[in-house]
Protein backbone atom coordinates (compact mmCIF):
# COMPACT_ATOMS: atom_id res chain seq x y z
CA MET A 1 -9.91 8.91 -7.37
CA SER A 2 -6.24 8.19 -7.00
CA LEU A 3 -4.93 4.89 -8.28
CA THR A 4 -2.50 4.65 -5.43
CA VAL A 5 -5.15 5.04 -2.88
CA THR A 6 -7.53 2.75 -4.65
CA ILE A 7 -4.84 -0.04 -4.72
CA ILE A 8 -3.99 0.56 -1.01
CA ALA A 9 -7.69 0.21 -0.18
CA LYS A 10 -8.04 -3.06 -2.05
CA LEU A 11 -4.85 -4.58 -0.66
CA SER A 12 -5.47 -3.73 2.89
CA GLY A 13 -9.22 -4.38 2.92
CA VAL A 14 -10.45 -0.81 3.99
CA ASP A 15 -12.73 1.47 2.25
CA TYR A 16 -11.55 4.34 -0.04
CA PRO A 17 -12.02 7.20 2.52
CA ALA A 18 -9.92 5.41 5.11
CA ALA A 19 -7.19 4.68 2.63
CA LYS A 20 -7.29 8.39 1.52
CA ARG A 21 -6.97 9.44 5.16
CA ALA A 22 -4.06 7.14 5.64
CA CYS A 23 -2.26 8.53 2.68
CA ASP A 24 -3.00 12.08 3.81
CA LEU A 25 -1.58 11.36 7.23
CA ALA A 26 1.50 9.57 5.85
CA GLY A 27 2.22 12.63 3.71
CA ALA A 28 1.54 15.02 6.47
CA PHE A 29 4.02 13.20 8.87
CA ASP A 30 6.66 13.10 6.17
CA GLY A 31 8.71 10.31 7.79
CA GLU A 32 8.64 11.75 11.21
CA VAL A 33 9.44 8.73 13.59
CA GLY A 34 8.02 10.11 16.76
CA ALA A 35 4.63 11.10 15.35
CA ALA A 36 1.49 9.78 17.06
CA ILE A 37 -0.52 7.47 14.83
CA PRO A 38 -4.35 7.62 15.27
CA GLU A 39 -5.91 4.52 17.01
CA GLU A 40 -7.69 3.45 13.97
CA PHE A 41 -4.42 2.73 12.23
CA THR A 42 -2.64 0.81 14.97
CA TYR A 43 -4.06 -2.71 14.38
CA GLY A 44 -5.78 -4.91 11.83
CA ALA A 45 -6.55 -3.66 8.40
CA GLY A 46 -5.98 0.01 9.39
CA ALA A 47 -2.41 -0.88 10.29
CA ARG A 48 -1.92 -2.54 6.89
CA CYS A 49 -3.40 0.42 5.16
CA TYR A 50 -1.31 2.95 7.01
CA ALA A 51 1.91 0.85 6.33
CA LEU A 52 1.19 0.69 2.62
CA ALA A 53 0.41 4.35 2.62
CA THR A 54 3.72 5.12 4.32
CA ILE A 55 5.64 2.99 1.93
CA ALA A 56 3.90 4.70 -1.07
CA GLU A 57 4.63 8.10 0.30
CA THR A 58 8.31 7.66 1.41
CA ARG A 59 9.51 5.08 -1.04
CA THR A 60 7.47 5.30 -4.13
CA ALA A 61 9.85 3.17 -6.37
CA LEU A 62 9.78 0.43 -3.78
CA PHE A 63 5.83 0.42 -3.68
CA TRP A 64 5.40 0.29 -7.46
CA GLY A 65 8.20 -2.13 -7.99
CA GLY A 66 6.89 -4.48 -5.36
CA LEU A 67 3.40 -4.19 -6.88
CA LEU A 68 4.64 -4.90 -10.36
CA THR A 69 6.64 -7.87 -9.12
CA PHE A 70 3.66 -9.11 -7.17
CA ALA A 71 1.51 -9.03 -10.40
CA SER A 72 4.11 -10.52 -12.72
CA VAL A 73 5.07 -13.72 -10.71
CA PRO A 74 1.91 -15.52 -11.64
CA VAL A 75 2.18 -14.52 -15.24
CA LEU A 76 5.80 -15.87 -15.39
CA ALA A 77 4.74 -18.99 -13.68
CA LEU A 78 1.89 -19.52 -16.16
CA ILE A 79 4.34 -18.93 -19.10
CA LYS A 80 6.79 -21.48 -17.43
CA VAL A 81 3.88 -24.05 -17.31
CA LEU A 82 2.67 -23.49 -20.82
CA HIS A 83 5.97 -23.62 -22.57
CA GLY A 84 7.60 -26.41 -20.50
């Protein structure tokens, strides 16, 4: 089980196999703009999943940096509240 695929599945609300398929497709298209996206990834949770997979594949630092920032903001807010 890949950590990236697991995180994408949890954040987008899909199961692990769908997230794995989205990551595989994003890697196969390799940033090709005119590539046809499968119907299951064009709306709803599938679209969120494919978008996260594309960002994770093409801009890895942005994906992990955003995830780190997303996780650290509540911690920093809690520290601010506790230390006045």
